[in-house]
C-alpha atoms as a PDB file:
ATOM      1  CA  MET A   1      38.342   0.184   3.665  1.00  0.00           C
ATOM      2  CA  GLY A   2      41.350   2.560   3.958  1.00  0.00           C
ATOM      3  CA  PRO A   3      41.456   5.686   6.008  1.00  0.00           C
ATOM      4  CA  GLU A   4      41.620   7.994   2.895  1.00  0.00           C
ATOM      5  CA  ILE A   5      38.348   6.338   1.660  1.00  0.00           C
ATOM      6  CA  LYS A   6      36.549   6.843   4.899  1.00  0.00           C
ATOM      7  CA  VAL A   7      37.515  10.532   4.811  1.00  0.00           C
ATOM      8  CA  HIS A   8      36.340  10.809   1.262  1.00  0.00           C
ATOM      9  CA  ASP A   9      33.042   8.995   2.039  1.00  0.00           C
ATOM     10  CA  MET A  10      32.484  11.329   4.965  1.00  0.00           C
ATOM     11  CA  ALA A  11      33.107  14.486   2.913  1.00  0.00           C
ATOM     12  CA  GLU A  12      30.909  13.217   0.198  1.00  0.00           C
ATOM     13  CA  ALA A  13      28.025  12.165   2.459  1.00  0.00           C
ATOM     14  CA  GLN A  14      28.295  15.686   4.170  1.00  0.00           C
ATOM     15  CA  ARG A  15      28.203  17.244   0.799  1.00  0.00           C
ATOM     16  CA  LEU A  16      25.202  15.150  -0.259  1.00  0.00           C
ATOM     17  CA  LEU A  17      23.436  16.085   2.875  1.00  0.00           C
ATOM     18  CA  ARG A  18      23.813  19.705   2.357  1.00  0.00           C
ATOM     19  CA  GLU A  19      22.807  19.423  -1.243  1.00  0.00           C
ATOM     20  CA  GLY A  20      19.732  17.222  -0.421  1.00  0.00           C
ATOM     21  CA  LEU A  21      18.574  19.559   2.275  1.00  0.00           C
ATOM     22  CA  ALA A  22      18.878  22.552  -0.029  1.00  0.00           C
ATOM     23  CA  GLU A  23      17.029  20.672  -2.910  1.00  0.00           C
ATOM     24  CA  GLN A  24      14.272  19.666  -0.479  1.00  0.00           C
ATOM     25  CA  ASN A  25      14.127  23.206   1.090  1.00  0.00           C
ATOM     26  CA  LEU A  26      14.928  21.924   4.539  1.00  0.00           C
ATOM     27  CA  ARG A  27      17.393  23.191   7.365  1.00  0.00           C
ATOM     28  CA  PRO A  28      19.145  20.817   9.543  1.00  0.00           C
ATOM     29  CA  ARG A  29      16.877  22.060  12.510  1.00  0.00           C
ATOM     30  CA  ASP A  30      13.798  21.061  10.490  1.00  0.00           C
ATOM     31  CA  LEU A  31      14.782  17.364  10.485  1.00  0.00           C
ATOM     32  CA  ALA A  32      13.912  16.431  14.036  1.00  0.00           C
ATOM     33  CA  LYS A  33      10.281  17.875  13.655  1.00  0.00           C
ATOM     34  CA  LEU A  34       9.575  15.758  10.572  1.00  0.00           C
ATOM     35  CA  LYS A  35       8.440  12.126  10.581  1.00  0.00           C
ATOM     36  CA  LYS A  36      11.156   9.530  10.447  1.00  0.00           C
ATOM     37  CA  GLY A  37       9.895   8.188   7.084  1.00  0.00           C
ATOM     38  CA  ASP A  38       9.415  11.725   5.597  1.00  0.00           C
ATOM     39  CA  ALA A  39       9.769  11.337   1.865  1.00  0.00           C
ATOM     40  CA  ARG A  40      12.111  14.301   1.605  1.00  0.00           C
ATOM     41  CA  LYS A  41      14.506  12.661   4.331  1.00  0.00           C
ATOM     42  CA  VAL A  42      14.286   9.266   2.673  1.00  0.00           C
ATOM     43  CA  ALA A  43      15.238  10.771  -0.678  1.00  0.00           C
ATOM     44  CA  ILE A  44      18.403  12.298   0.976  1.00  0.00           C
ATOM     45  CA  ALA A  45      19.029   9.020   2.733  1.00  0.00           C
ATOM     46  CA  GLU A  46      18.767   6.907  -0.317  1.00  0.00           C
ATOM     47  CA  ARG A  47      21.237   9.026  -2.156  1.00  0.00           C
ATOM     48  CA  ILE A  48      23.880   9.018   0.645  1.00  0.00           C
ATOM     49  CA  ARG A  49      23.364   5.396   0.965  1.00  0.00           C
ATOM     50  CA  ARG A  50      23.754   4.611  -2.769  1.00  0.00           C
ATOM     51  CA  THR A  51      26.796   6.900  -3.067  1.00  0.00           C
ATOM     52  CA  THR A  52      28.862   6.286  -0.078  1.00  0.00           C
ATOM     53  CA  ALA A  53      29.824   3.274   2.282  1.00  0.00           C
ATOM     54  CA  LEU A  54      29.048   5.128   5.463  1.00  0.00           C
ATOM     55  CA  PRO A  55      27.120   3.179   8.117  1.00  0.00           C
ATOM     56  CA  LEU A  56      23.305   3.478   8.118  1.00  0.00           C
ATOM     57  CA  ALA A  57      23.583   4.679  11.609  1.00  0.00           C
ATOM     58  CA  TRP A  58      25.378   7.800  10.571  1.00  0.00           C
ATOM     59  CA  ILE A  59      22.609   8.528   8.051  1.00  0.00           C
ATOM     60  CA  ALA A  60      19.941   7.804  10.640  1.00  0.00           C
ATOM     61  CA  GLU A  61      21.504  10.138  13.072  1.00  0.00           C
ATOM     62  CA  GLN A  62      22.182  12.968  10.632  1.00  0.00           C
ATOM     63  CA  LEU A  63      18.681  12.861   9.222  1.00  0.00           C
ATOM     64  CA  SER A  64      16.740  12.065  12.627  1.00  0.00           C
ATOM     65  CA  MET A  65      15.316   8.903  11.122  1.00  0.00           C
ATOM     66  CA  GLY A  66      15.507   6.508  14.121  1.00  0.00           C
ATOM     67  CA  SER A  67      17.286   3.214  13.879  1.00  0.00           C
ATOM     68  CA  PRO A  68      19.573   2.129  11.017  1.00  0.00           C
ATOM     69  CA  SER A  69      17.203  -0.505  10.082  1.00  0.00           C
ATOM     70  CA  ASN A  70      14.576   2.202   9.411  1.00  0.00           C
ATOM     71  CA  ILE A  71      16.831   3.664   6.705  1.00  0.00           C
ATOM     72  CA  SER A  72      16.949   0.195   4.893  1.00  0.00           C
ATOM     73  CA  GLN A  73      13.223  -0.262   4.973  1.00  0.00           C
ATOM     74  CA  ALA A  74      12.319   3.301   3.910  1.00  0.00           C
ATOM     75  CA  CYS A  75      15.015   3.229   1.166  1.00  0.00           C
ATOM     76  CA  ARG A  76      13.430  -0.008  -0.125  1.00  0.00           C
ATOM     77  CA  ARG A  77       9.923   1.446  -0.131  1.00  0.00           C
ATOM     78  CA  TYR A  78      11.270   4.590  -1.856  1.00  0.00           C
ATOM     79  CA  LEU A  79      12.856   2.606  -4.681  1.00  0.00           C
ATOM     80  CA  ASN A  80      10.112  -0.061  -4.875  1.00  0.00           C
ATOM     81  CA  PRO A  81       6.750   1.965  -4.196  1.00  0.00           C
END
């Protein structure tokens, strides 16, 4: 992946994060207070994961969701309830 793609993915992920927080009526400071598998956080994570090629570690850190493997599992459960 070239540097311009990485920059684009980062910008897109940050935009999706802001959008997702607004749609879910959450603020960044709310994220640490919620459970790691909170459905609102998982919905945001799944959208970022599906749309960008950023590492799961970045998504986990931004959404206070614990380990990157937690993102994979939570997104799988979200898509296949």
